[in-house]
């Protein structure tokens, strides 16, 4: 369904919320330039913001919409999103009630009153439901804010053998609405730090639920020689009033593309969130295949154990996504997410307790030492970046085939050394891999990073943990070599020339791994979904081969 034509123009979008902006100097990087969305709270500029009391619901439950509005009246529309988006509920003439937003809403929640309740039918189908809160403006235009909730399946509403798990913990990590996320923000004495604690009781920043089709992605075409790296998604977001991280995570840029493609191709699937995976792991038992796509960076220990048990007992995990990186904790029934990241060993409250195994740091951090390979077949620190900015800027943008005899390549006519997906730019922006070596022209895991030796590396391409020098051209890097230093410190315990050398280069891979009675197939690239969106024959056929086999 087309978005209402009365959306804000670019200049108006830039002014729709408060932004904290710092000047970017030549020796700074892109993450020194910060803006975020928050209400203007100006009665002369009508607006309405909405969030729901939970991230997912079962059929028959009430969805509670909390709101704050400077508009006298507003209305609410709810759509079941997908290949054929359809309106399922609308209510008009809701009275606007203004409630001030706390300065620390990003971690404490907005605490707005309930403005509307809607009961789901007992047979409401599982899926992603897009919420639009809309109010009129004096000039005749409309202010539109997007939110969402998920309806999880029941035995009465289950539609097939595929369960689509949305990586909502990663969405939360990138949601900077109200002033902060796990990357940037206004936390701390100088109000310039990210927040290790994030609330789900707040809206989603602009661009995570809906973006225009023309919105840029991280992975761009190969740049011309001797030109500085570009970060077009950031430039576009700044110019058009979208979130700083709109292209990094969320339904709009990643999971929706799979859902639309799968529906169009006739695959029946149900949908849950990672919060459901954490608190309701029993939902997995009704399915033969779990699918995860896009940017899949943050997991709890409970989520991992649930997924490993599912595969061990004969389930199949098809993961068309990447960046398996951080351990998190969920608190307050899933309403609060905690991740201290590289400072966990200093700041995480459980660091010196009997629960220090829940330290919210990287899975490959020597203090946790639970590599992602046991759950998804690859490691987050085995990547990480490719095909954008200064990260392998002129790389393949697709996967090179090394084991063409594998069943995933049936009916593709791909051979050893062939490259696929480059035209659709399916390789990037973050990828996962394992430590490997070549024997007789074939890649094999070394096991030095904790990867099981029986992992089968099917295809791969290079990635890096640091931006390359741009041939003497002055440019503002995205993160420079910070990730390289972080990996050296977390994995090796010290930052030296030797550990930095071990921490710079990596790869993104397609791997296959058996676990117990089940199997894991990971195409470890966030941008795999672009092969489905852009009609790449090879990406589509490989995806079909995996889904068909895992549901047969």
Protein backbone atom coordinates (compact mmCIF):
# COMPACT_ATOMS: atom_id res chain seq x y z
CA UNK A 1 0.00 0.00 0.00
CA UNK A 2 1.28 3.43 -0.91
CA UNK A 3 2.18 5.74 1.95
CA UNK A 4 -0.11 8.79 2.28
CA UNK A 5 1.07 11.51 -0.10
CA UNK A 6 0.80 14.17 2.59
CA UNK A 7 3.92 13.08 4.47
CA UNK A 8 6.31 15.82 5.53
CA UNK A 9 8.64 17.34 2.99
CA UNK A 10 12.40 17.09 3.68
CA UNK A 11 12.78 20.44 5.46
CA UNK A 12 9.74 19.81 7.63
CA UNK A 13 10.94 16.30 8.42
CA UNK A 14 14.26 17.66 9.65
CA UNK A 15 12.39 19.79 12.15
CA UNK A 16 9.85 17.22 13.33
CA UNK A 17 11.75 16.38 16.52
CA UNK A 18 14.55 17.60 18.72
CA UNK A 19 18.00 16.66 17.52
CA UNK A 20 21.25 16.69 19.51
CA UNK A 21 23.96 17.49 16.97
CA UNK A 22 27.69 17.80 17.50
CA UNK A 23 30.07 19.24 14.94
CA UNK A 24 32.05 16.68 12.95
CA UNK A 25 35.71 17.64 12.74
CA UNK A 26 38.30 16.26 10.34
CA UNK A 27 39.70 13.91 12.98
CA UNK A 28 36.26 12.64 13.98
CA UNK A 29 34.06 9.99 12.42
CA UNK A 30 30.45 9.79 11.32
CA UNK A 31 29.25 8.67 14.74
CA UNK A 32 30.43 12.00 16.15
CA UNK A 33 27.56 13.58 14.19
CA UNK A 34 24.45 12.67 16.17
CA UNK A 35 20.79 13.42 15.77
CA UNK A 36 17.76 11.70 17.20
CA UNK A 37 14.00 11.92 17.16
CA UNK A 38 11.87 13.16 20.05
CA UNK A 39 8.63 15.15 20.36
CA UNK A 40 8.85 18.88 19.89
CA UNK A 41 6.05 19.31 22.46
CA UNK A 42 4.99 22.57 20.81
CA UNK A 43 1.20 23.11 20.80
CA UNK A 44 1.54 25.21 17.63
CA UNK A 45 2.99 22.21 15.77
CA UNK A 46 0.45 19.36 16.01
CA UNK A 47 1.94 15.88 16.34
CA UNK A 48 1.14 12.53 17.92
CA UNK A 49 3.41 9.71 19.08
CA UNK A 50 2.27 6.22 20.05
CA UNK A 51 3.78 3.05 21.52
CA UNK A 52 2.24 -0.24 22.64
CA UNK A 53 2.54 -1.82 26.06
CA UNK A 54 4.18 -4.92 24.59
CA UNK A 55 6.03 -5.92 21.46
CA UNK A 56 3.87 -8.98 20.70
CA UNK A 57 0.48 -10.42 21.57
CA UNK A 58 -1.50 -13.63 21.33
CA UNK A 59 -4.88 -13.64 19.56
CA UNK A 60 -7.63 -12.56 21.92
CA UNK A 61 -5.44 -10.18 23.93
CA UNK A 62 -5.86 -6.41 24.18
CA UNK A 63 -3.32 -4.12 22.54
CA UNK A 64 -2.86 -0.97 24.63
CA UNK A 65 -1.76 2.16 22.78
CA UNK A 66 -0.01 4.78 24.91
CA UNK A 67 0.07 8.23 23.34
CA UNK A 68 1.04 11.85 23.74
CA UNK A 69 -0.32 14.45 21.34
CA UNK A 70 -0.20 18.19 20.84
CA UNK A 71 -2.97 17.79 18.28
CA UNK A 72 -6.55 18.24 19.44
CA UNK A 73 -7.61 15.05 17.66
CA UNK A 74 -5.87 12.19 15.87
CA UNK A 75 -6.66 8.82 14.40
CA UNK A 76 -5.12 5.37 14.36
CA UNK A 77 -4.74 2.91 11.48
CA UNK A 78 -3.49 -0.69 11.76
CA UNK A 79 -2.32 -2.71 8.76
CA UNK A 80 -1.20 -6.30 8.44
CA UNK A 81 2.03 -5.76 6.53
CA UNK A 82 3.36 -7.97 3.77
CA UNK A 83 3.01 -8.65 0.05
CA UNK A 84 -0.62 -7.52 0.16
CA UNK A 85 -0.81 -4.95 2.93
CA UNK A 86 -4.34 -4.63 4.23
CA UNK A 87 -6.11 -2.33 6.66
CA UNK A 88 -7.45 -4.33 9.60
CA UNK A 89 -8.58 -1.59 11.97
CA UNK A 90 -9.12 2.15 12.07
CA UNK A 91 -10.46 4.48 14.72
CA UNK A 92 -11.16 8.19 14.21
CA UNK A 93 -11.38 11.28 16.37
CA UNK A 94 -9.24 10.16 19.29
CA UNK A 95 -8.84 13.06 21.70
CA UNK A 96 -5.32 14.43 21.88
CA UNK A 97 -3.83 14.43 25.38
CA UNK A 98 -0.35 15.84 25.91
CA UNK A 99 2.03 14.23 28.39
CA UNK A 100 5.61 15.43 28.74
CA UNK A 101 8.29 12.98 27.66
CA UNK A 102 10.87 12.18 30.35
CA UNK A 103 14.42 13.23 29.51
CA UNK A 104 15.55 9.64 30.04
CA UNK A 105 12.66 8.05 28.13
CA UNK A 106 15.16 5.99 26.15
CA UNK A 107 15.91 3.93 29.27
CA UNK A 108 12.99 4.55 31.65
CA UNK A 109 10.17 4.58 29.11
CA UNK A 110 7.73 7.35 28.26
CA UNK A 111 5.12 6.53 30.90
CA UNK A 112 2.32 8.02 28.81
CA UNK A 113 -1.29 7.11 29.59
CA UNK A 114 -3.27 4.57 27.58
CA UNK A 115 -5.14 6.40 24.83
CA UNK A 116 -6.83 3.44 23.13
CA UNK A 117 -7.36 -0.31 23.55
CA UNK A 118 -8.08 -2.78 20.78
CA UNK A 119 -8.94 -6.44 21.32
CA UNK A 120 -7.49 -8.92 18.86
CA UNK A 121 -9.87 -11.49 17.47
CA UNK A 122 -9.34 -15.04 18.74
CA UNK A 123 -8.29 -16.07 15.22
CA UNK A 124 -6.12 -13.06 14.35
CA UNK A 125 -3.41 -14.40 12.01
CA UNK A 126 0.21 -14.22 13.06
CA UNK A 127 2.25 -11.48 11.46
CA UNK A 128 3.69 -7.98 11.58
CA UNK A 129 1.13 -5.24 12.17
CA UNK A 130 2.06 -1.70 11.19
CA UNK A 131 0.53 1.10 13.25
CA UNK A 132 0.05 4.62 11.94
CA UNK A 133 -0.82 7.48 14.28
CA UNK A 134 -1.99 10.45 12.20
CA UNK A 135 -3.04 14.01 12.95
CA UNK A 136 -3.96 16.97 10.78
CA UNK A 137 -1.98 20.18 10.56
CA UNK A 138 -3.17 23.73 9.99
CA UNK A 139 -1.71 23.77 6.46
CA UNK A 140 -3.80 20.73 5.44
CA UNK A 141 -0.94 18.22 5.61
CA UNK A 142 -0.68 15.28 8.02
CA UNK A 143 1.81 14.22 10.65
CA UNK A 144 2.33 10.42 10.44
CA UNK A 145 4.19 8.30 13.01
CA UNK A 146 4.80 4.58 12.50
CA UNK A 147 4.84 1.91 15.18
CA UNK A 148 4.22 -1.86 15.16
CA UNK A 149 3.30 -4.95 17.09
CA UNK A 150 3.48 -8.65 16.27
CA UNK A 151 0.76 -11.26 16.68
CA UNK A 152 2.28 -14.62 17.53
CA UNK A 153 0.71 -17.90 16.38
CA UNK A 154 -1.39 -20.39 18.33
CA UNK A 155 -2.37 -23.97 17.55
CA UNK A 156 -5.56 -22.58 15.98
CA UNK A 157 -3.86 -19.95 13.82
CA UNK A 158 -0.63 -21.69 12.77
CA UNK A 159 -0.24 -21.47 8.99
CA UNK A 160 2.67 -23.72 8.01
CA UNK A 161 6.06 -25.23 8.83
CA UNK A 162 8.08 -21.98 8.78
CA UNK A 163 8.50 -19.67 11.78
CA UNK A 164 9.98 -16.24 10.99
CA UNK A 165 11.82 -14.90 14.07
CA UNK A 166 12.28 -11.12 13.93
CA UNK A 167 15.63 -9.90 15.39
CA UNK A 168 13.88 -7.31 17.52
CA UNK A 169 16.69 -7.15 20.09
CA UNK A 170 18.84 -5.67 17.33
CA UNK A 171 16.06 -3.26 16.39
CA UNK A 172 15.94 -2.12 20.02
CA UNK A 173 19.71 -1.67 20.14
CA UNK A 174 19.53 0.78 17.21
CA UNK A 175 16.36 2.61 18.27
CA UNK A 176 17.55 6.04 19.43
CA UNK A 177 14.09 7.58 19.91
CA UNK A 178 14.15 9.90 22.88
CA UNK A 179 17.91 10.42 22.90
CA UNK A 180 19.97 7.23 23.02
CA UNK A 181 20.54 3.65 21.95
CA UNK A 182 23.38 1.19 22.48
CA UNK A 183 25.63 3.22 20.12
CA UNK A 184 25.07 6.95 20.62
CA UNK A 185 23.14 9.24 22.89
CA UNK A 186 22.73 11.80 25.61
CA UNK A 187 23.50 9.52 28.57
CA UNK A 188 26.20 10.43 31.11
CA UNK A 189 27.33 13.59 32.89
CA UNK A 190 28.20 15.32 29.63
CA UNK A 191 25.13 13.88 27.86
CA UNK A 192 27.17 12.40 25.03
CA UNK A 193 27.18 8.65 25.75
CA UNK A 194 25.12 5.66 24.57
CA UNK A 195 22.83 3.94 27.03
CA UNK A 196 23.46 0.34 28.15
CA UNK A 197 19.82 0.17 29.28
CA UNK A 198 17.01 0.69 26.76
CA UNK A 199 13.26 0.71 27.23
CA UNK A 200 10.78 -0.78 24.79
CA UNK A 201 8.07 1.50 26.20
CA UNK A 202 8.70 4.24 23.66
CA UNK A 203 8.14 4.82 19.93
CA UNK A 204 10.46 3.60 17.16
CA UNK A 205 12.66 6.13 15.45
CA UNK A 206 11.65 7.26 11.99
CA UNK A 207 12.61 4.74 9.32
CA UNK A 208 12.68 1.49 11.30
CA UNK A 209 9.04 0.58 10.55
CA UNK A 210 8.57 2.34 7.21
CA UNK A 211 10.89 3.98 4.65
CA UNK A 212 10.34 5.09 1.06
CA UNK A 213 11.41 2.57 -1.57
CA UNK A 214 14.10 4.98 -2.77
CA UNK A 215 15.84 5.24 0.63
CA UNK A 216 19.55 4.35 0.21
CA UNK A 217 21.06 1.23 1.74
CA UNK A 218 24.54 0.84 3.19
CA UNK A 219 25.83 -1.30 0.32
CA UNK A 220 26.44 0.99 -2.61
CA UNK A 221 27.78 0.43 -6.16
CA UNK A 222 31.55 0.13 -6.54
CA UNK A 223 33.04 3.66 -6.27
CA UNK A 224 35.20 5.23 -8.95
CA UNK A 225 39.00 5.11 -8.53
CA UNK A 226 40.65 7.55 -6.11
CA UNK A 227 37.38 8.80 -4.64
CA UNK A 228 36.72 9.06 -0.90
CA UNK A 229 34.22 6.71 0.73
CA UNK A 230 30.61 7.86 0.85
CA UNK A 231 27.97 7.11 3.44
CA UNK A 232 24.91 7.86 1.37
CA UNK A 233 22.40 6.42 3.84
CA UNK A 234 23.62 8.85 6.51
CA UNK A 235 23.56 11.78 4.12
CA UNK A 236 20.03 10.94 3.00
CA UNK A 237 18.79 10.42 6.57
CA UNK A 238 20.21 13.77 7.67
CA UNK A 239 18.69 15.59 4.70
CA UNK A 240 15.26 13.96 5.00
CA UNK A 241 14.66 13.75 8.73
CA UNK A 242 15.04 10.00 9.22
CA UNK A 243 16.82 8.24 12.05
CA UNK A 244 20.60 8.11 12.08
CA UNK A 245 20.41 4.31 12.11
CA UNK A 246 17.38 3.78 9.85
CA UNK A 247 19.51 1.77 7.39
CA UNK A 248 21.20 -0.30 10.11
CA UNK A 249 18.28 -2.32 11.40
CA UNK A 250 14.52 -2.72 11.47
CA UNK A 251 11.56 -4.18 9.67
CA UNK A 252 11.53 -1.68 6.80
CA UNK A 253 15.08 -2.27 5.56
CA UNK A 254 15.42 -6.00 6.18
CA UNK A 255 12.71 -8.37 7.39
CA UNK A 256 9.89 -6.90 5.33
CA UNK A 257 11.70 -7.79 2.11
CA UNK A 258 11.77 -11.46 3.09
CA UNK A 259 8.14 -11.43 4.22
CA UNK A 260 6.96 -9.85 0.97
CA UNK A 261 9.01 -12.26 -1.16
CA UNK A 262 7.99 -15.37 0.80
CA UNK A 263 4.29 -14.48 0.62
CA UNK A 264 4.57 -13.80 -3.10
CA UNK A 265 6.26 -17.16 -3.65
CA UNK A 266 3.55 -19.00 -1.74
CA UNK A 267 5.41 -19.90 1.46
CA UNK A 268 3.18 -20.06 4.53
CA UNK A 269 4.91 -18.75 7.64
CA UNK A 270 4.16 -17.35 11.07
CA UNK A 271 5.99 -14.59 12.91
CA UNK A 272 7.36 -14.06 16.40
CA UNK A 273 9.81 -11.65 18.02
CA UNK A 274 13.02 -12.43 19.87
CA UNK A 275 11.16 -11.53 23.05
CA UNK A 276 8.83 -14.45 22.28
CA UNK A 277 11.83 -16.68 21.63
CA UNK A 278 13.17 -15.72 25.07
CA UNK A 279 9.93 -16.10 27.07
CA UNK A 280 7.99 -18.62 24.94
CA UNK A 281 10.55 -21.06 23.47
CA UNK A 282 7.82 -23.71 23.31
CA UNK A 283 6.53 -21.92 20.18
CA UNK A 284 9.42 -23.45 18.21
CA UNK A 285 8.20 -27.00 18.69
CA UNK A 286 5.34 -26.58 16.20
CA UNK A 287 7.68 -25.86 13.27
CA UNK A 288 10.26 -27.70 11.22
CA UNK A 289 12.07 -24.57 9.99
CA UNK A 290 13.01 -21.32 11.72
CA UNK A 291 14.00 -18.39 9.49
CA UNK A 292 16.03 -15.36 10.59
CA UNK A 293 16.98 -12.62 8.14
CA UNK A 294 18.77 -9.29 8.00
CA UNK A 295 20.73 -7.73 10.84
CA UNK A 296 20.83 -10.30 13.65
CA UNK A 297 23.28 -8.95 16.25
CA UNK A 298 21.86 -9.24 19.81
CA UNK A 299 20.73 -12.42 21.65
CA UNK A 300 20.11 -13.50 25.21
CA UNK A 301 21.50 -16.71 26.63
CA UNK A 302 17.95 -18.04 26.83
CA UNK A 303 17.37 -17.38 23.13
CA UNK A 304 20.51 -19.29 22.18
CA UNK A 305 19.66 -22.28 24.36
CA UNK A 306 16.14 -22.41 22.94
CA UNK A 307 17.44 -22.37 19.36
CA UNK A 308 20.11 -24.99 20.04
CA UNK A 309 17.56 -27.29 21.68
CA UNK A 310 15.24 -26.84 18.69
CA UNK A 311 17.94 -27.89 16.23
CA UNK A 312 19.25 -30.66 18.48
CA UNK A 313 15.80 -32.27 18.45
CA UNK A 314 15.53 -32.21 14.67
CA UNK A 315 14.59 -28.65 13.76
CA UNK A 316 16.20 -26.66 10.96
CA UNK A 317 17.54 -23.11 11.17
CA UNK A 318 17.74 -21.11 7.94
CA UNK A 319 19.58 -17.90 8.74
CA UNK A 320 19.80 -15.37 5.91
CA UNK A 321 21.42 -12.70 8.05
CA UNK A 322 24.53 -11.77 9.97
CA UNK A 323 26.42 -10.05 12.79
CA UNK A 324 25.92 -12.51 15.66
CA UNK A 325 27.81 -10.43 18.22
CA UNK A 326 26.47 -9.43 21.68
CA UNK A 327 24.98 -11.16 24.70
CA UNK A 328 22.14 -9.13 26.22
CA UNK A 329 19.75 -9.46 29.13
CA UNK A 330 16.00 -8.80 29.07
CA UNK A 331 14.35 -7.43 32.18
CA UNK A 332 10.89 -6.25 33.24
CA UNK A 333 9.19 -9.01 31.26
CA UNK A 334 10.96 -7.96 28.08
CA UNK A 335 10.28 -4.25 28.53
CA UNK A 336 13.93 -3.41 29.16
CA UNK A 337 17.10 -4.48 27.30
CA UNK A 338 20.60 -4.38 28.83
CA UNK A 339 23.95 -4.46 27.02
CA UNK A 340 27.13 -2.81 28.35
CA UNK A 341 29.19 -4.06 25.38
CA UNK A 342 32.92 -3.28 25.50
CA UNK A 343 32.61 -1.75 29.00
CA UNK A 344 30.76 -4.73 30.48
CA UNK A 345 33.78 -5.95 32.44
CA UNK A 346 33.91 -2.50 34.09
CA UNK A 347 30.29 -1.39 34.38
CA UNK A 348 27.90 -4.33 34.15
CA UNK A 349 26.42 -4.83 37.66
CA UNK A 350 26.75 -8.63 37.45
CA UNK A 351 30.45 -8.59 36.47
CA UNK A 352 31.69 -9.85 39.86
CA UNK A 353 28.71 -11.99 40.86
CA UNK A 354 27.76 -15.63 40.43
CA UNK A 355 25.87 -14.57 37.29
CA UNK A 356 28.93 -13.20 35.50
CA UNK A 357 28.30 -15.74 32.72
CA UNK A 358 25.50 -13.31 31.73
CA UNK A 359 27.99 -10.48 31.20
CA UNK A 360 26.64 -8.35 28.37
CA UNK A 361 29.68 -8.40 26.13
CA UNK A 362 30.63 -10.14 22.88
CA UNK A 363 30.02 -13.89 22.73
CA UNK A 364 33.65 -14.34 21.71
CA UNK A 365 34.95 -12.22 24.57
CA UNK A 366 37.36 -14.41 26.56
CA UNK A 367 35.19 -13.78 29.64
CA UNK A 368 32.20 -15.51 27.98
CA UNK A 369 33.90 -17.69 25.35
CA UNK A 370 30.71 -19.04 23.80
CA UNK A 371 31.30 -18.55 20.06
CA UNK A 372 28.24 -18.11 17.91
CA UNK A 373 29.14 -21.12 15.81
CA UNK A 374 27.40 -23.49 18.21
CA UNK A 375 24.09 -21.74 17.50
CA UNK A 376 24.29 -20.31 13.97
CA UNK A 377 27.45 -21.87 12.47
CA UNK A 378 29.45 -18.63 12.22
CA UNK A 379 31.00 -16.01 14.50
CA UNK A 380 30.24 -12.30 14.51
CA UNK A 381 33.86 -11.32 14.99
CA UNK A 382 34.78 -13.52 12.04
CA UNK A 383 33.57 -10.65 9.76
CA UNK A 384 32.53 -7.90 10.08
CA UNK A 385 32.13 -5.21 7.36
CA UNK A 386 32.07 -5.29 3.58
CA UNK A 387 30.85 -3.46 0.47
CA UNK A 388 30.32 0.05 1.83
CA UNK A 389 32.22 3.17 2.88
CA UNK A 390 35.84 2.32 3.56
CA UNK A 391 35.13 -1.38 4.20
CA UNK A 392 36.19 -3.51 1.23
CA UNK A 393 34.82 -0.67 -0.89
CA UNK A 394 35.65 -2.39 -4.19
CA UNK A 395 34.92 -5.94 -3.13
CA UNK A 396 32.84 -8.56 -4.90
CA UNK A 397 29.45 -7.64 -3.36
CA UNK A 398 28.49 -11.28 -3.81
CA UNK A 399 29.60 -14.77 -2.72
CA UNK A 400 32.26 -16.88 -4.45
CA UNK A 401 31.27 -20.54 -4.70
CA UNK A 402 33.69 -23.17 -3.35
CA UNK A 403 31.50 -26.27 -3.02
CA UNK A 404 29.13 -26.20 -6.00
CA UNK A 405 28.09 -29.81 -5.38
CA UNK A 406 26.21 -28.80 -2.22
CA UNK A 407 22.44 -29.25 -2.44
CA UNK A 408 21.73 -25.53 -1.92
CA UNK A 409 23.04 -24.93 -5.47
CA UNK A 410 20.60 -27.32 -7.16
CA UNK A 411 19.20 -25.87 -10.41
CA UNK A 412 21.53 -22.84 -10.28
CA UNK A 413 24.26 -23.99 -12.73
CA UNK A 414 26.87 -22.42 -10.43
CA UNK A 415 30.38 -23.88 -10.47
CA UNK A 416 33.58 -23.62 -8.46
CA UNK A 417 34.83 -20.01 -8.36
CA UNK A 418 31.61 -18.54 -9.70
CA UNK A 419 30.39 -15.28 -8.19
CA UNK A 420 26.69 -14.74 -7.54
CA UNK A 421 24.65 -11.91 -6.06
CA UNK A 422 27.00 -9.09 -7.02
CA UNK A 423 24.50 -7.27 -9.23
CA UNK A 424 21.97 -7.25 -6.38
CA UNK A 425 24.72 -6.39 -3.86
CA UNK A 426 23.83 -9.17 -1.43
CA UNK A 427 27.19 -9.23 0.39
CA UNK A 428 27.39 -6.67 3.26
CA UNK A 429 26.97 -4.48 5.15
CA UNK A 430 27.86 -6.76 8.05
CA UNK A 431 28.79 -10.41 7.66
CA UNK A 432 29.87 -13.41 9.76
CA UNK A 433 32.53 -16.07 9.23
CA UNK A 434 34.94 -18.47 10.91
CA UNK A 435 38.71 -18.76 11.04
CA UNK A 436 39.69 -20.86 8.03
CA UNK A 437 42.52 -22.26 5.94
CA UNK A 438 42.73 -23.51 2.38
CA UNK A 439 43.58 -27.08 1.39
CA UNK A 440 43.52 -28.16 -2.23
CA UNK A 441 41.67 -24.99 -3.16
CA UNK A 442 38.92 -25.49 -0.59
CA UNK A 443 38.28 -23.58 2.67
CA UNK A 444 38.13 -25.48 5.97
CA UNK A 445 37.58 -24.18 9.54
CA UNK A 446 40.71 -24.23 11.71
CA UNK A 447 38.82 -24.44 15.01
CA UNK A 448 41.04 -21.78 16.56
CA UNK A 449 37.99 -19.56 17.10
CA UNK A 450 35.89 -22.33 18.63
CA UNK A 451 34.22 -23.35 15.39
CA UNK A 452 33.48 -27.08 15.06
CA UNK A 453 35.73 -28.69 12.45
CA UNK A 454 32.79 -30.30 10.68
CA UNK A 455 31.33 -26.95 9.59
CA UNK A 456 31.13 -26.97 5.80
CA UNK A 457 32.15 -23.67 4.18
CA UNK A 458 30.14 -23.50 0.96
CA UNK A 459 30.85 -19.97 -0.30
CA UNK A 460 32.60 -16.87 1.01
CA UNK A 461 34.03 -13.39 0.39
CA UNK A 462 36.43 -11.08 2.30
CA UNK A 463 35.47 -8.64 5.04
CA UNK A 464 37.35 -6.38 7.45
CA UNK A 465 37.14 -4.96 10.97
CA UNK A 466 38.66 -1.57 10.08
CA UNK A 467 38.28 1.00 7.35
CA UNK A 468 41.04 1.19 4.80
CA UNK A 469 43.09 4.33 4.21
CA UNK A 470 41.64 6.10 1.19
CA UNK A 471 44.85 6.55 -0.77
CA UNK A 472 45.67 9.78 1.00
CA UNK A 473 42.23 11.28 0.38
CA UNK A 474 40.88 13.12 3.44
CA UNK A 475 37.51 11.78 4.54
CA UNK A 476 35.46 11.29 7.68
CA UNK A 477 35.45 7.54 8.46
CA UNK A 478 32.44 5.76 9.87
CA UNK A 479 34.22 4.05 12.77
CA UNK A 480 37.86 3.94 11.64
CA UNK A 481 39.69 1.07 13.36
CA UNK A 482 37.69 1.08 16.60
CA UNK A 483 36.16 -2.38 16.02
CA UNK A 484 39.61 -3.80 15.34
CA UNK A 485 40.82 -2.50 18.70
CA UNK A 486 37.70 -3.79 20.46
CA UNK A 487 38.19 -7.29 19.08
CA UNK A 488 41.85 -7.34 20.10
CA UNK A 489 40.96 -6.27 23.64
CA UNK A 490 38.00 -8.63 24.12
CA UNK A 491 39.36 -11.76 22.45
CA UNK A 492 43.09 -11.54 23.14
CA UNK A 493 43.07 -9.42 26.29
CA UNK A 494 45.53 -6.84 25.01
CA UNK A 495 45.94 -4.41 22.14
CA UNK A 496 49.33 -4.94 20.50
CA UNK A 497 50.54 -4.89 16.91
CA UNK A 498 50.25 -8.68 16.91
CA UNK A 499 46.67 -8.83 18.25
CA UNK A 500 45.60 -5.98 15.98
CA UNK A 501 46.93 -7.88 12.99
CA UNK A 502 44.89 -10.90 14.06
CA UNK A 503 41.80 -8.73 14.46
CA UNK A 504 41.69 -6.81 11.20
CA UNK A 505 40.64 -9.21 8.44
CA UNK A 506 37.75 -11.63 8.22
CA UNK A 507 35.14 -13.03 5.87
CA UNK A 508 31.47 -13.58 5.27
CA UNK A 509 30.37 -17.13 4.59
CA UNK A 510 27.61 -19.49 3.63
CA UNK A 511 28.01 -22.50 5.90
CA UNK A 512 26.21 -25.73 6.70
CA UNK A 513 26.37 -27.47 10.07
CA UNK A 514 24.58 -30.42 11.62
CA UNK A 515 23.68 -30.34 15.28
CA UNK A 516 22.05 -33.37 16.84
CA UNK A 517 19.15 -34.40 14.62
CA UNK A 518 18.83 -31.00 12.94
CA UNK A 519 20.73 -28.74 10.60
CA UNK A 520 21.81 -25.10 10.41
CA UNK A 521 22.26 -23.30 7.10
CA UNK A 522 23.56 -19.74 7.39
CA UNK A 523 24.04 -17.29 4.54
CA UNK A 524 25.85 -14.79 6.73
CA UNK A 525 25.14 -11.44 5.14
CA UNK A 526 22.70 -8.75 6.26
CA UNK A 527 22.01 -7.86 2.64
CA UNK A 528 20.95 -11.34 1.45
CA UNK A 529 17.37 -10.04 1.34
CA UNK A 530 18.37 -7.67 -1.47
CA UNK A 531 18.76 -10.68 -3.74
CA UNK A 532 15.10 -11.44 -3.05
CA UNK A 533 14.02 -7.81 -3.39
CA UNK A 534 15.99 -7.20 -6.60
CA UNK A 535 15.17 -10.50 -8.27
CA UNK A 536 18.60 -12.18 -8.25
CA UNK A 537 17.96 -15.62 -9.79
CA UNK A 538 20.69 -17.33 -7.76
CA UNK A 539 19.72 -15.84 -4.40
CA UNK A 540 16.08 -16.70 -4.96
CA UNK A 541 16.78 -20.28 -6.08
CA UNK A 542 19.16 -20.96 -3.19
CA UNK A 543 16.61 -19.57 -0.71
CA UNK A 544 13.90 -21.78 -2.24
CA UNK A 545 16.16 -24.83 -2.10
CA UNK A 546 16.79 -24.28 1.60
CA UNK A 547 13.18 -23.58 2.56
CA UNK A 548 11.86 -26.47 0.49
CA UNK A 549 14.31 -28.96 1.97
CA UNK A 550 13.82 -27.74 5.53
CA UNK A 551 10.02 -28.02 5.26
CA UNK A 552 9.78 -31.26 3.29
